[in-house]
């Protein structure tokens, strides 16, 4: 009889231990959101390659569900960056994985004194689906040239971050808006 009682206690203790191991804690962290990876190609960005990398770093530090990385050999880039002599411009996204947008990094704005990292981050914002917010203050990345020549802010504000997070919610990029935005003053 004692043997059966001990066996029942041990079996009961095992069931309690098993239950505790299976039931998640009430304060368990939620599962991370799906992250979309986009590739960029700055091989045609000429003297602006480092500005493009800095603009990418700004977005990667600011949003959590989309990550932009340099395309490696053999990888198709969704974001193609090309240096040219006009005003900066780009296709309006949000670009989807496997899709393609172009950022034309315009020397005209650089020649007028606009900050290259801000230009890159602003144009990348268009690729991620953000329209211009003109006129606007320097604190708004998407205000572009209306932030002024002295503006060096290359970090999206809370509203801009939330816009990109919404554009790539649940691991899916929403339908691209389309068109080309030219960022002349």
N, C-alpha and C. Protein backbone atom coordinates (compact mmCIF):
# COMPACT_ATOMS: atom_id res chain seq x y z
N UNK A 1 0.82 -1.19 0.00
CA UNK A 1 0.00 0.00 0.00
C UNK A 1 0.86 1.25 0.00
N UNK A 2 1.89 1.24 0.84
CA UNK A 2 2.80 2.39 0.89
C UNK A 2 3.46 2.60 -0.47
N UNK A 3 3.79 1.50 -1.14
CA UNK A 3 4.43 1.56 -2.44
C UNK A 3 3.51 2.26 -3.46
N UNK A 4 2.19 1.94 -3.45
CA UNK A 4 1.25 2.57 -4.38
C UNK A 4 1.07 4.06 -4.07
N UNK A 5 1.06 4.43 -2.79
CA UNK A 5 0.92 5.83 -2.40
C UNK A 5 2.11 6.65 -2.88
N UNK A 6 3.31 6.14 -2.69
CA UNK A 6 4.53 6.82 -3.15
C UNK A 6 4.50 6.96 -4.68
N UNK A 7 4.07 5.92 -5.37
CA UNK A 7 4.01 5.95 -6.83
C UNK A 7 3.02 7.01 -7.29
N UNK A 8 1.85 7.10 -6.64
CA UNK A 8 0.86 8.12 -7.01
C UNK A 8 1.39 9.53 -6.76
N UNK A 9 2.08 9.73 -5.67
CA UNK A 9 2.66 11.05 -5.37
C UNK A 9 3.69 11.43 -6.43
N UNK A 10 4.53 10.49 -6.79
CA UNK A 10 5.55 10.77 -7.82
C UNK A 10 4.92 11.05 -9.17
N UNK A 11 3.92 10.28 -9.53
CA UNK A 11 3.24 10.50 -10.81
C UNK A 11 2.55 11.86 -10.78
N UNK A 12 1.89 12.18 -9.68
CA UNK A 12 1.23 13.49 -9.55
C UNK A 12 2.22 14.64 -9.63
N UNK A 13 3.36 14.50 -9.00
CA UNK A 13 4.39 15.54 -9.05
C UNK A 13 4.92 15.71 -10.46
N UNK A 14 5.07 14.61 -11.19
CA UNK A 14 5.52 14.68 -12.58
C UNK A 14 4.53 15.41 -13.45
N UNK A 15 3.24 15.18 -13.22
CA UNK A 15 2.21 15.87 -14.00
C UNK A 15 2.22 17.36 -13.71
N UNK A 16 2.42 17.73 -12.46
CA UNK A 16 2.48 19.15 -12.11
C UNK A 16 3.70 19.79 -12.77
N UNK A 17 4.82 19.13 -12.73
CA UNK A 17 6.04 19.65 -13.35
C UNK A 17 5.85 19.79 -14.84
N UNK A 18 5.25 18.79 -15.48
CA UNK A 18 5.01 18.84 -16.91
C UNK A 18 4.07 19.99 -17.25
N UNK A 19 3.02 20.19 -16.47
CA UNK A 19 2.09 21.28 -16.70
C UNK A 19 2.79 22.62 -16.59
N UNK A 20 3.63 22.79 -15.62
CA UNK A 20 4.34 24.05 -15.43
C UNK A 20 5.28 24.32 -16.59
N UNK A 21 5.84 23.27 -17.18
CA UNK A 21 6.77 23.46 -18.28
C UNK A 21 6.05 23.79 -19.58
N UNK A 22 4.80 23.38 -19.73
CA UNK A 22 4.06 23.57 -20.97
C UNK A 22 3.32 24.90 -21.00
N UNK A 23 2.82 25.36 -19.86
CA UNK A 23 2.05 26.59 -19.80
C UNK A 23 3.01 27.78 -19.87
N UNK A 24 2.83 28.69 -20.86
CA UNK A 24 3.72 29.85 -20.95
C UNK A 24 3.48 30.81 -19.80
N UNK A 25 4.52 31.52 -19.44
CA UNK A 25 4.42 32.52 -18.38
C UNK A 25 3.53 33.65 -18.87
N UNK A 26 2.81 34.26 -17.94
CA UNK A 26 1.89 35.34 -18.29
C UNK A 26 2.63 36.55 -18.86
N UNK A 27 3.87 36.75 -18.47
CA UNK A 27 4.61 37.92 -18.93
C UNK A 27 5.60 37.57 -20.05
N UNK A 28 5.34 36.48 -20.78
CA UNK A 28 6.23 36.08 -21.87
C UNK A 28 6.22 37.15 -22.96
N UNK A 29 7.36 37.39 -23.57
CA UNK A 29 7.48 38.39 -24.63
C UNK A 29 6.72 37.92 -25.87
N UNK A 30 6.06 38.85 -26.58
CA UNK A 30 5.35 38.46 -27.80
C UNK A 30 6.35 38.04 -28.87
N UNK A 31 5.88 37.24 -29.79
CA UNK A 31 6.74 36.80 -30.88
C UNK A 31 7.15 38.02 -31.71
N UNK A 32 8.40 38.07 -32.18
CA UNK A 32 8.83 39.22 -32.99
C UNK A 32 8.06 39.25 -34.30
N UNK A 33 7.83 40.47 -34.79
CA UNK A 33 7.14 40.65 -36.06
C UNK A 33 8.04 40.15 -37.19
N UNK A 34 7.41 39.74 -38.27
CA UNK A 34 8.17 39.29 -39.43
C UNK A 34 8.98 40.46 -39.99
N UNK A 35 10.20 40.18 -40.38
CA UNK A 35 11.08 41.21 -40.92
C UNK A 35 11.25 40.97 -42.41
N UNK A 36 11.03 42.00 -43.19
CA UNK A 36 11.24 41.95 -44.63
C UNK A 36 12.64 42.48 -44.91
N UNK A 37 13.41 41.72 -45.67
CA UNK A 37 14.74 42.16 -46.05
C UNK A 37 14.70 42.67 -47.49
N UNK A 38 15.20 43.88 -47.68
CA UNK A 38 15.31 44.48 -49.00
C UNK A 38 16.80 44.68 -49.30
N UNK A 39 17.17 44.54 -50.55
CA UNK A 39 18.56 44.70 -50.97
C UNK A 39 18.71 45.98 -51.77
N UNK A 40 19.84 46.65 -51.57
CA UNK A 40 20.12 47.84 -52.37
C UNK A 40 21.44 47.65 -53.10
N UNK A 41 21.54 48.32 -54.25
CA UNK A 41 22.74 48.28 -55.07
C UNK A 41 23.19 49.72 -55.29
N UNK A 42 24.32 50.06 -54.70
CA UNK A 42 24.88 51.41 -54.85
C UNK A 42 26.09 51.42 -55.77
N UNK A 43 26.23 50.39 -56.60
CA UNK A 43 27.40 50.31 -57.48
C UNK A 43 27.44 51.45 -58.50
N UNK A 44 26.29 52.08 -58.78
CA UNK A 44 26.24 53.20 -59.71
C UNK A 44 26.04 54.54 -58.99
N UNK A 45 26.24 54.53 -57.68
CA UNK A 45 26.03 55.75 -56.89
C UNK A 45 27.26 56.66 -56.87
N UNK A 46 28.32 56.24 -57.54
CA UNK A 46 29.55 57.05 -57.67
C UNK A 46 30.03 57.56 -56.31
N UNK A 47 30.20 58.88 -56.21
CA UNK A 47 30.76 59.49 -55.00
C UNK A 47 29.80 59.48 -53.81
N UNK A 48 28.59 58.98 -54.00
CA UNK A 48 27.58 58.99 -52.93
C UNK A 48 27.40 57.65 -52.22
N UNK A 49 28.27 56.68 -52.50
CA UNK A 49 28.12 55.35 -51.89
C UNK A 49 28.10 55.39 -50.37
N UNK A 50 28.99 56.17 -49.77
CA UNK A 50 29.02 56.22 -48.30
C UNK A 50 27.79 56.94 -47.75
N UNK A 51 27.27 57.92 -48.46
CA UNK A 51 26.04 58.60 -48.02
C UNK A 51 24.86 57.64 -48.08
N UNK A 52 24.83 56.82 -49.12
CA UNK A 52 23.75 55.83 -49.24
C UNK A 52 23.83 54.84 -48.08
N UNK A 53 25.03 54.35 -47.78
CA UNK A 53 25.21 53.42 -46.66
C UNK A 53 24.76 54.06 -45.35
N UNK A 54 25.05 55.34 -45.16
CA UNK A 54 24.64 56.04 -43.94
C UNK A 54 23.12 56.21 -43.90
N UNK A 55 22.50 56.48 -45.04
CA UNK A 55 21.04 56.58 -45.10
C UNK A 55 20.37 55.25 -44.79
N UNK A 56 20.95 54.17 -45.32
CA UNK A 56 20.45 52.82 -45.02
C UNK A 56 20.56 52.55 -43.52
N UNK A 57 21.70 52.89 -42.94
CA UNK A 57 21.92 52.66 -41.50
C UNK A 57 20.89 53.43 -40.66
N UNK A 58 20.53 54.63 -41.10
CA UNK A 58 19.53 55.42 -40.38
C UNK A 58 18.18 54.71 -40.37
N UNK A 59 17.76 54.19 -41.51
CA UNK A 59 16.49 53.47 -41.57
C UNK A 59 16.54 52.17 -40.78
N UNK A 60 17.65 51.45 -40.88
CA UNK A 60 17.76 50.18 -40.15
C UNK A 60 17.73 50.40 -38.64
N UNK A 61 18.23 51.52 -38.18
CA UNK A 61 18.21 51.83 -36.75
C UNK A 61 16.83 52.34 -36.30
N UNK A 62 16.00 52.73 -37.25
CA UNK A 62 14.73 53.38 -36.92
C UNK A 62 13.51 52.48 -37.02
N UNK A 63 13.53 51.49 -37.89
CA UNK A 63 12.36 50.63 -38.08
C UNK A 63 12.73 49.18 -37.79
N UNK A 64 11.73 48.39 -37.45
CA UNK A 64 12.01 47.02 -37.00
C UNK A 64 11.51 45.92 -37.92
N UNK A 65 10.55 46.22 -38.79
CA UNK A 65 10.01 45.13 -39.60
C UNK A 65 10.48 45.15 -41.05
N UNK A 66 11.40 46.03 -41.36
CA UNK A 66 12.05 46.03 -42.67
C UNK A 66 13.53 46.31 -42.44
N UNK A 67 14.36 45.56 -43.14
CA UNK A 67 15.81 45.70 -42.99
C UNK A 67 16.41 45.81 -44.38
N UNK A 68 17.27 46.80 -44.59
CA UNK A 68 17.88 47.04 -45.89
C UNK A 68 19.35 46.61 -45.82
N UNK A 69 19.77 45.80 -46.77
CA UNK A 69 21.15 45.32 -46.80
C UNK A 69 21.72 45.51 -48.20
N UNK A 70 23.03 45.61 -48.27
CA UNK A 70 23.70 45.72 -49.57
C UNK A 70 23.54 44.40 -50.31
N UNK A 71 23.23 44.50 -51.58
CA UNK A 71 23.11 43.31 -52.41
C UNK A 71 24.49 42.73 -52.67
N UNK A 72 24.59 41.44 -52.55
CA UNK A 72 25.84 40.76 -52.85
C UNK A 72 25.79 40.28 -54.30
N UNK A 73 26.91 39.88 -54.81
CA UNK A 73 26.98 39.38 -56.18
C UNK A 73 25.97 38.26 -56.38
N UNK A 74 25.18 38.39 -57.42
CA UNK A 74 24.18 37.37 -57.71
C UNK A 74 22.85 37.60 -57.03
N UNK A 75 22.75 38.62 -56.17
CA UNK A 75 21.50 38.95 -55.49
C UNK A 75 20.83 40.11 -56.21
N UNK A 76 19.56 39.96 -56.52
CA UNK A 76 18.81 41.03 -57.19
C UNK A 76 18.47 42.10 -56.17
N UNK A 77 18.79 43.33 -56.49
CA UNK A 77 18.52 44.45 -55.59
C UNK A 77 17.14 45.04 -55.88
N UNK A 78 16.37 45.23 -54.83
CA UNK A 78 15.08 45.90 -54.99
C UNK A 78 15.25 47.41 -55.13
N UNK A 79 16.32 47.95 -54.54
CA UNK A 79 16.56 49.40 -54.58
C UNK A 79 17.87 49.64 -55.34
N UNK A 80 17.77 50.26 -56.49
CA UNK A 80 18.93 50.59 -57.32
C UNK A 80 19.22 52.08 -57.13
N UNK A 81 20.44 52.42 -56.74
CA UNK A 81 20.81 53.82 -56.53
C UNK A 81 21.77 54.25 -57.64
N UNK A 82 21.42 55.35 -58.31
CA UNK A 82 22.19 55.83 -59.45
C UNK A 82 22.49 57.31 -59.26
N UNK A 83 23.75 57.70 -59.39
CA UNK A 83 24.12 59.12 -59.33
C UNK A 83 23.82 59.76 -60.68
N UNK A 84 23.29 60.98 -60.64
CA UNK A 84 23.08 61.72 -61.89
C UNK A 84 23.11 63.20 -61.59
N UNK A 85 23.08 64.03 -62.63
CA UNK A 85 23.33 65.47 -62.45
C UNK A 85 22.10 66.30 -62.11
N UNK A 86 20.91 65.78 -62.14
CA UNK A 86 19.70 66.55 -61.84
C UNK A 86 19.38 66.59 -60.35
N UNK A 87 18.08 66.88 -60.04
CA UNK A 87 17.61 66.89 -58.67
C UNK A 87 17.34 65.47 -58.21
N UNK A 88 17.54 65.17 -56.92
CA UNK A 88 17.25 63.83 -56.42
C UNK A 88 15.79 63.46 -56.70
N UNK A 89 15.59 62.19 -57.01
CA UNK A 89 14.25 61.69 -57.27
C UNK A 89 14.24 60.18 -57.09
N UNK A 90 13.05 59.64 -56.92
CA UNK A 90 12.95 58.19 -56.76
C UNK A 90 11.53 57.72 -57.02
N UNK A 91 11.44 56.41 -57.28
CA UNK A 91 10.14 55.77 -57.40
C UNK A 91 9.52 55.71 -56.02
N UNK A 92 8.20 55.89 -55.98
CA UNK A 92 7.49 55.82 -54.71
C UNK A 92 7.04 54.39 -54.46
N UNK A 93 7.50 53.82 -53.37
CA UNK A 93 7.17 52.45 -52.99
C UNK A 93 5.88 52.39 -52.22
N UNK A 94 5.75 51.46 -51.30
CA UNK A 94 6.84 50.65 -50.76
C UNK A 94 7.25 49.53 -51.70
N UNK A 95 8.55 49.43 -51.91
CA UNK A 95 9.06 48.36 -52.75
C UNK A 95 8.85 47.03 -52.05
N UNK A 96 8.47 46.04 -52.81
CA UNK A 96 8.25 44.70 -52.27
C UNK A 96 9.46 43.83 -52.56
N UNK A 97 9.68 42.81 -51.76
CA UNK A 97 10.76 41.86 -52.09
C UNK A 97 10.55 41.32 -53.50
N UNK A 98 11.60 41.37 -54.30
CA UNK A 98 11.50 40.94 -55.69
C UNK A 98 11.09 42.06 -56.63
N UNK A 99 10.65 43.20 -56.06
CA UNK A 99 10.26 44.35 -56.87
C UNK A 99 11.48 45.18 -57.23
N UNK A 100 11.25 46.36 -57.78
CA UNK A 100 12.39 47.20 -58.16
C UNK A 100 11.98 48.66 -58.14
N UNK A 101 12.76 49.47 -57.45
CA UNK A 101 12.63 50.92 -57.50
C UNK A 101 14.02 51.50 -57.76
N UNK A 102 14.02 52.72 -58.25
CA UNK A 102 15.29 53.41 -58.49
C UNK A 102 15.32 54.70 -57.71
N UNK A 103 16.49 54.98 -57.13
CA UNK A 103 16.78 56.25 -56.48
C UNK A 103 17.83 56.93 -57.36
N UNK A 104 17.49 58.12 -57.85
CA UNK A 104 18.44 58.90 -58.62
C UNK A 104 19.02 59.94 -57.67
N UNK A 105 20.29 59.76 -57.32
CA UNK A 105 20.95 60.63 -56.34
C UNK A 105 21.46 61.85 -57.11
N UNK A 106 20.74 62.96 -56.97
CA UNK A 106 21.00 64.15 -57.78
C UNK A 106 22.10 65.06 -57.28
N UNK A 107 23.04 65.30 -58.15
CA UNK A 107 24.17 66.19 -57.81
C UNK A 107 23.74 67.65 -57.70
N UNK A 108 22.65 68.03 -58.35
CA UNK A 108 22.22 69.43 -58.29
C UNK A 108 21.94 69.86 -56.85
N UNK A 109 21.29 69.02 -56.07
CA UNK A 109 21.01 69.34 -54.67
C UNK A 109 22.31 69.40 -53.87
N UNK A 110 23.23 68.49 -54.14
CA UNK A 110 24.52 68.47 -53.45
C UNK A 110 25.29 69.75 -53.79
N UNK A 111 25.28 70.14 -55.05
CA UNK A 111 25.98 71.37 -55.48
C UNK A 111 25.39 72.62 -54.83
N UNK A 112 24.12 72.57 -54.47
CA UNK A 112 23.48 73.70 -53.79
C UNK A 112 23.71 73.66 -52.28
N UNK A 113 24.34 72.60 -51.78
CA UNK A 113 24.71 72.55 -50.37
C UNK A 113 23.90 71.62 -49.49
N UNK A 114 22.96 70.86 -50.05
CA UNK A 114 22.16 69.95 -49.23
C UNK A 114 23.01 68.77 -48.76
N UNK A 115 22.71 68.29 -47.57
CA UNK A 115 23.46 67.21 -46.93
C UNK A 115 23.25 65.88 -47.64
N UNK A 116 24.33 65.20 -47.99
CA UNK A 116 24.23 63.96 -48.77
C UNK A 116 23.56 62.81 -48.00
N UNK A 117 23.83 62.69 -46.72
CA UNK A 117 23.20 61.61 -45.95
C UNK A 117 21.70 61.85 -45.83
N UNK A 118 21.30 63.10 -45.63
CA UNK A 118 19.88 63.43 -45.57
C UNK A 118 19.21 63.14 -46.92
N UNK A 119 19.87 63.48 -48.01
CA UNK A 119 19.31 63.19 -49.32
C UNK A 119 19.08 61.68 -49.47
N UNK A 120 20.11 60.89 -49.12
CA UNK A 120 20.00 59.43 -49.26
C UNK A 120 18.86 58.89 -48.40
N UNK A 121 18.80 59.28 -47.14
CA UNK A 121 17.76 58.77 -46.24
C UNK A 121 16.37 59.21 -46.72
N UNK A 122 16.26 60.43 -47.20
CA UNK A 122 14.98 60.94 -47.72
C UNK A 122 14.52 60.12 -48.93
N UNK A 123 15.42 59.92 -49.88
CA UNK A 123 15.06 59.15 -51.08
C UNK A 123 14.74 57.70 -50.74
N UNK A 124 15.46 57.12 -49.82
CA UNK A 124 15.14 55.77 -49.37
C UNK A 124 13.76 55.73 -48.72
N UNK A 125 13.40 56.80 -48.03
CA UNK A 125 12.05 56.90 -47.45
C UNK A 125 10.98 56.79 -48.52
N UNK A 126 11.22 57.39 -49.70
CA UNK A 126 10.27 57.24 -50.81
C UNK A 126 10.19 55.78 -51.24
N UNK A 127 11.34 55.10 -51.31
CA UNK A 127 11.37 53.69 -51.70
C UNK A 127 10.57 52.84 -50.73
N UNK A 128 10.53 53.27 -49.47
CA UNK A 128 9.79 52.55 -48.43
C UNK A 128 8.33 52.98 -48.35
N UNK A 129 7.91 53.86 -49.27
CA UNK A 129 6.50 54.23 -49.38
C UNK A 129 6.09 55.54 -48.77
N UNK A 130 7.04 56.39 -48.40
CA UNK A 130 6.67 57.68 -47.80
C UNK A 130 6.68 58.79 -48.85
N UNK A 131 5.61 59.56 -48.93
CA UNK A 131 5.59 60.71 -49.83
C UNK A 131 6.31 61.89 -49.20
N UNK A 132 6.47 62.94 -49.98
CA UNK A 132 7.05 64.17 -49.43
C UNK A 132 6.10 64.77 -48.40
N UNK A 133 6.67 65.49 -47.44
CA UNK A 133 5.90 66.21 -46.43
C UNK A 133 6.34 67.67 -46.51
N UNK A 134 6.06 68.30 -47.65
CA UNK A 134 6.50 69.67 -47.90
C UNK A 134 5.32 70.62 -47.81
N UNK A 135 5.50 71.81 -47.30
CA UNK A 135 6.71 72.24 -46.60
C UNK A 135 6.76 71.60 -45.23
N UNK A 136 7.95 71.55 -44.70
CA UNK A 136 8.10 70.94 -43.39
C UNK A 136 9.38 71.37 -42.72
N UNK A 137 9.49 71.09 -41.43
CA UNK A 137 10.68 71.46 -40.68
C UNK A 137 11.81 70.45 -40.87
N UNK A 138 12.98 70.82 -40.46
CA UNK A 138 14.15 69.95 -40.53
C UNK A 138 13.93 68.66 -39.77
N UNK A 139 13.13 68.68 -38.72
CA UNK A 139 12.88 67.47 -37.93
C UNK A 139 12.11 66.41 -38.71
N UNK A 140 11.52 66.79 -39.82
CA UNK A 140 10.82 65.85 -40.69
C UNK A 140 11.75 65.47 -41.84
N UNK A 141 12.21 64.23 -41.85
CA UNK A 141 13.08 63.75 -42.93
C UNK A 141 12.42 63.92 -44.29
N UNK A 142 11.13 63.65 -44.35
CA UNK A 142 10.44 63.69 -45.62
C UNK A 142 10.06 65.11 -46.05
N UNK A 143 10.46 66.12 -45.27
CA UNK A 143 10.29 67.51 -45.71
C UNK A 143 11.29 67.85 -46.80
N UNK A 144 12.31 67.02 -46.94
CA UNK A 144 13.28 67.19 -48.02
C UNK A 144 13.93 68.56 -48.02
N UNK A 145 13.93 69.18 -49.19
CA UNK A 145 14.63 70.45 -49.36
C UNK A 145 14.01 71.59 -48.54
N UNK A 146 12.74 71.48 -48.13
CA UNK A 146 12.14 72.57 -47.36
C UNK A 146 12.69 72.62 -45.94
N UNK A 147 13.46 71.61 -45.54
CA UNK A 147 14.15 71.65 -44.25
C UNK A 147 15.31 72.65 -44.28
N UNK A 148 15.71 73.05 -45.47
CA UNK A 148 16.78 74.04 -45.63
C UNK A 148 18.14 73.40 -45.87
N UNK A 149 19.01 74.17 -46.47
CA UNK A 149 20.36 73.71 -46.81
C UNK A 149 21.16 73.37 -45.55
N UNK A 150 20.90 74.06 -44.46
CA UNK A 150 21.65 73.80 -43.23
C UNK A 150 21.16 72.55 -42.49
N UNK A 151 20.05 71.97 -42.91
CA UNK A 151 19.48 70.81 -42.23
C UNK A 151 20.30 69.56 -42.55
N UNK A 152 20.74 68.88 -41.50
CA UNK A 152 21.50 67.63 -41.67
C UNK A 152 20.78 66.42 -41.07
N UNK A 153 19.54 66.61 -40.62
CA UNK A 153 18.79 65.52 -40.00
C UNK A 153 18.53 64.42 -41.03
N UNK A 154 19.03 63.23 -40.76
CA UNK A 154 18.83 62.08 -41.64
C UNK A 154 18.06 60.97 -40.92
N UNK A 155 17.37 61.33 -39.84
CA UNK A 155 16.64 60.35 -39.05
C UNK A 155 15.14 60.60 -39.19
N UNK A 156 14.38 59.56 -39.52
CA UNK A 156 12.93 59.76 -39.62
C UNK A 156 12.31 60.06 -38.26
N UNK A 157 11.27 60.90 -38.27
CA UNK A 157 10.57 61.20 -37.02
C UNK A 157 9.60 60.06 -36.69
N UNK A 158 8.93 60.16 -35.58
CA UNK A 158 8.04 59.08 -35.11
C UNK A 158 6.95 58.76 -36.13
N UNK A 159 6.38 59.76 -36.74
CA UNK A 159 5.32 59.54 -37.73
C UNK A 159 5.85 58.83 -38.97
N UNK A 160 7.04 59.20 -39.40
CA UNK A 160 7.66 58.57 -40.57
C UNK A 160 8.03 57.11 -40.28
N UNK A 161 8.55 56.88 -39.09
CA UNK A 161 8.85 55.50 -38.68
C UNK A 161 7.58 54.66 -38.68
N UNK A 162 6.52 55.20 -38.09
CA UNK A 162 5.24 54.48 -38.01
C UNK A 162 4.68 54.21 -39.40
N UNK A 163 4.87 55.15 -40.32
CA UNK A 163 4.40 54.96 -41.69
C UNK A 163 5.08 53.79 -42.37
N UNK A 164 6.39 53.69 -42.21
CA UNK A 164 7.12 52.57 -42.82
C UNK A 164 6.74 51.27 -42.13
N UNK A 165 6.63 51.28 -40.80
CA UNK A 165 6.22 50.06 -40.08
C UNK A 165 4.85 49.60 -40.59
N UNK A 166 3.93 50.53 -40.84
CA UNK A 166 2.60 50.17 -41.35
C UNK A 166 2.70 49.65 -42.79
N UNK A 167 3.59 50.23 -43.59
CA UNK A 167 3.75 49.79 -44.98
C UNK A 167 4.23 48.35 -45.08
N UNK A 168 4.93 47.88 -44.06
CA UNK A 168 5.49 46.52 -44.07
C UNK A 168 4.93 45.67 -42.93
N UNK A 169 3.73 45.97 -42.49
CA UNK A 169 3.12 45.25 -41.37
C UNK A 169 2.89 43.78 -41.71
N UNK A 170 3.03 42.93 -40.72
CA UNK A 170 2.76 41.49 -40.82
C UNK A 170 3.62 40.79 -41.86
N UNK A 171 4.79 41.35 -42.15
CA UNK A 171 5.71 40.69 -43.08
C UNK A 171 5.31 40.81 -44.54
N UNK A 172 4.38 41.74 -44.84
CA UNK A 172 3.92 41.93 -46.21
C UNK A 172 3.98 43.41 -46.53
N UNK A 173 4.57 43.74 -47.68
CA UNK A 173 4.58 45.14 -48.12
C UNK A 173 3.25 45.45 -48.78
N UNK A 174 2.66 46.58 -48.39
CA UNK A 174 1.37 46.93 -48.99
C UNK A 174 1.59 47.34 -50.45
N UNK A 175 0.52 47.53 -51.18
CA UNK A 175 0.57 47.86 -52.61
C UNK A 175 1.37 49.14 -52.82
N UNK A 176 2.37 49.12 -53.72
CA UNK A 176 3.15 50.33 -53.97
C UNK A 176 2.28 51.47 -54.49
N UNK A 177 2.63 52.68 -54.10
CA UNK A 177 1.89 53.86 -54.55
C UNK A 177 2.24 54.20 -55.98
N UNK A 178 3.50 54.04 -56.34
CA UNK A 178 3.94 54.26 -57.73
C UNK A 178 4.23 55.72 -58.03
N UNK A 179 4.81 55.93 -59.19
CA UNK A 179 5.18 57.27 -59.64
C UNK A 179 6.60 57.60 -59.25
N UNK A 180 7.08 58.72 -59.80
CA UNK A 180 8.42 59.20 -59.50
C UNK A 180 8.28 60.56 -58.82
N UNK A 181 8.96 60.72 -57.69
CA UNK A 181 8.94 61.99 -56.96
C UNK A 181 10.26 62.70 -57.20
N UNK A 182 10.20 63.96 -57.65
CA UNK A 182 11.39 64.79 -57.84
C UNK A 182 11.46 65.74 -56.68
N UNK A 183 12.61 65.79 -56.03
CA UNK A 183 12.73 66.57 -54.80
C UNK A 183 13.37 67.93 -54.98
N UNK A 184 12.99 68.66 -56.03
CA UNK A 184 13.46 70.03 -56.21
C UNK A 184 12.70 70.95 -55.27
N UNK A 185 13.32 72.04 -54.83
CA UNK A 185 12.63 72.96 -53.92
C UNK A 185 11.44 73.64 -54.59
